[in-house]
C-alpha atoms as a PDB file:
ATOM      1  CA  MET A   1      73.258 102.048 105.679  1.00  0.00           C
ATOM      2  CA  ASP A   2      74.506  99.890 107.904  1.00  0.00           C
ATOM      3  CA  LYS A   3      75.796 101.712 111.105  1.00  0.00           C
ATOM      4  CA  GLU A   4      78.759  98.756 111.991  1.00  0.00           C
ATOM      5  CA  SER A   5      79.845  99.383 108.705  1.00  0.00           C
ATOM      6  CA  ASN A   6      84.565  99.830 108.897  1.00  0.00           C
ATOM      7  CA  LEU A   7      83.489 102.531 105.822  1.00  0.00           C
ATOM      8  CA  THR A   8      84.250 106.364 106.187  1.00  0.00           C
ATOM      9  CA  PHE A   9      82.709 108.731 105.382  1.00  0.00           C
ATOM     10  CA  GLU A  10      83.404 109.190 102.155  1.00  0.00           C
ATOM     11  CA  ASP A  11      83.678 105.642 101.019  1.00  0.00           C
ATOM     12  CA  ALA A  12      79.698 105.579 102.603  1.00  0.00           C
ATOM     13  CA  CYS A  13      79.184 108.140  99.588  1.00  0.00           C
ATOM     14  CA  PHE A  14      81.058 106.186  96.464  1.00  0.00           C
ATOM     15  CA  GLN A  15      78.855 103.034  97.833  1.00  0.00           C
ATOM     16  CA  TRP A  16      75.545 105.535  97.117  1.00  0.00           C
ATOM     17  CA  ALA A  17      76.621 106.948  94.574  1.00  0.00           C
ATOM     18  CA  SER A  18      77.569 103.893  92.564  1.00  0.00           C
ATOM     19  CA  ARG A  19      73.166 102.741  93.546  1.00  0.00           C
ATOM     20  CA  GLN A  20      73.207 105.436  90.343  1.00  0.00           C
ATOM     21  CA  PHE A  21      75.361 103.830  88.032  1.00  0.00           C
ATOM     22  CA  LEU A  22      75.292 100.301  88.697  1.00  0.00           C
ATOM     23  CA  TYR A  23      72.955  97.481  89.073  1.00  0.00           C
ATOM     24  CA  ASP A  24      73.785  96.816  92.580  1.00  0.00           C
ATOM     25  CA  PRO A  25      75.328  98.706  94.878  1.00  0.00           C
ATOM     26  CA  ILE A  26      79.791  98.394  95.756  1.00  0.00           C
ATOM     27  CA  PRO A  27      79.444  95.750  98.472  1.00  0.00           C
ATOM     28  CA  ASP A  28      81.839  97.040 101.763  1.00  0.00           C
ATOM     29  CA  ASN A  29      84.495  95.083 100.090  1.00  0.00           C
ATOM     30  CA  TYR A  30      84.884  96.842  97.796  1.00  0.00           C
ATOM     31  CA  PHE A  31      87.876  99.595  98.697  1.00  0.00           C
ATOM     32  CA  GLU A  32      89.817  96.227 100.065  1.00  0.00           C
ATOM     33  CA  LEU A  33      89.471  95.007  96.325  1.00  0.00           C
ATOM     34  CA  LEU A  34      92.884  95.783  93.809  1.00  0.00           C
ATOM     35  CA  GLU A  35      92.090  98.422  91.372  1.00  0.00           C
ATOM     36  CA  GLU A  36      91.603  96.510  88.251  1.00  0.00           C
ATOM     37  CA  GLU A  37      89.764  94.121  89.900  1.00  0.00           C
ATOM     38  CA  GLN A  38      87.592  97.446  91.411  1.00  0.00           C
ATOM     39  CA  TYR A  39      86.990  98.413  87.843  1.00  0.00           C
ATOM     40  CA  LYS A  40      86.003  94.931  86.339  1.00  0.00           C
ATOM     41  CA  HIS A  41      83.670  95.147  89.238  1.00  0.00           C
ATOM     42  CA  LEU A  42      81.868  98.285  88.065  1.00  0.00           C
ATOM     43  CA  GLU A  43      81.529  96.828  84.401  1.00  0.00           C
ATOM     44  CA  ALA A  44      80.372  94.112  85.197  1.00  0.00           C
ATOM     45  CA  TYR A  45      78.037  96.107  87.258  1.00  0.00           C
ATOM     46  CA  ALA A  46      77.123  99.160  84.895  1.00  0.00           C
ATOM     47  CA  TRP A  47      73.978  99.768  83.998  1.00  0.00           C
ATOM     48  CA  GLU A  48      72.537  99.410  80.338  1.00  0.00           C
ATOM     49  CA  PRO A  49      73.182 103.090  79.267  1.00  0.00           C
ATOM     50  CA  ILE A  50      76.684 103.299  80.145  1.00  0.00           C
ATOM     51  CA  SER A  51      77.671  99.588  79.942  1.00  0.00           C
ATOM     52  CA  HIS A  52      80.335  99.547  76.846  1.00  0.00           C
ATOM     53  CA  HIS A  53      82.655 102.213  79.394  1.00  0.00           C
ATOM     54  CA  ASP A  54      85.590 101.381  81.205  1.00  0.00           C
ATOM     55  CA  GLY A  55      85.573 100.789  84.172  1.00  0.00           C
ATOM     56  CA  TYR A  56      87.995 103.378  84.978  1.00  0.00           C
ATOM     57  CA  LYS A  57      85.170 106.563  83.609  1.00  0.00           C
ATOM     58  CA  ILE A  58      82.297 104.641  85.602  1.00  0.00           C
ATOM     59  CA  ALA A  59      84.786 105.242  88.561  1.00  0.00           C
ATOM     60  CA  GLN A  60      85.394 109.075  87.502  1.00  0.00           C
ATOM     61  CA  TYR A  61      81.153 109.612  87.019  1.00  0.00           C
ATOM     62  CA  ILE A  62      80.843 107.720  90.668  1.00  0.00           C
ATOM     63  CA  ASP A  63      83.557 109.999  92.117  1.00  0.00           C
ATOM     64  CA  SER A  64      82.263 113.090  90.935  1.00  0.00           C
ATOM     65  CA  LEU A  65      77.967 112.452  92.606  1.00  0.00           C
ATOM     66  CA  ALA A  66      79.379 111.541  95.935  1.00  0.00           C
ATOM     67  CA  ASP A  67      81.990 114.159  95.968  1.00  0.00           C
ATOM     68  CA  HIS A  68      78.016 116.388  95.048  1.00  0.00           C
ATOM     69  CA  ILE A  69      76.820 114.536  98.161  1.00  0.00           C
ATOM     70  CA  ALA A  70      79.924 114.123 100.542  1.00  0.00           C
ATOM     71  CA  GLY A  71      80.292 117.957 100.131  1.00  0.00           C
ATOM     72  CA  LYS A  72      76.459 118.695 100.217  1.00  0.00           C
ATOM     73  CA  THR A  73      76.658 121.135  96.789  1.00  0.00           C
ATOM     74  CA  TYR A  74      73.048 119.373  94.904  1.00  0.00           C
ATOM     75  CA  PRO A  75      70.096 121.737  95.410  1.00  0.00           C
ATOM     76  CA  LYS A  76      68.139 121.305  98.587  1.00  0.00           C
ATOM     77  CA  GLU A  77      63.893 122.468  99.447  1.00  0.00           C
ATOM     78  CA  GLU A  78      64.447 125.189 101.337  1.00  0.00           C
ATOM     79  CA  ASP A  79      66.274 127.434  98.794  1.00  0.00           C
ATOM     80  CA  TYR A  80      62.982 127.381  96.149  1.00  0.00           C
END
């Protein structure tokens, strides 16, 4: 990630998580868009298996993964 970015840690986690659901990660200015524009962006770049989902639902998927990343609640190699 760009160290000169003005994103918060939470926004950076959301941006990272977006890579798992979109063809292109969301741009830094995504967070400056109106909510409806954000949803349209997510719908336009949604990975094919979720392309029929609305932007609100896609945002929920991304946010859920971002929360796990921010909270470091994922399997760690040293635990196995």
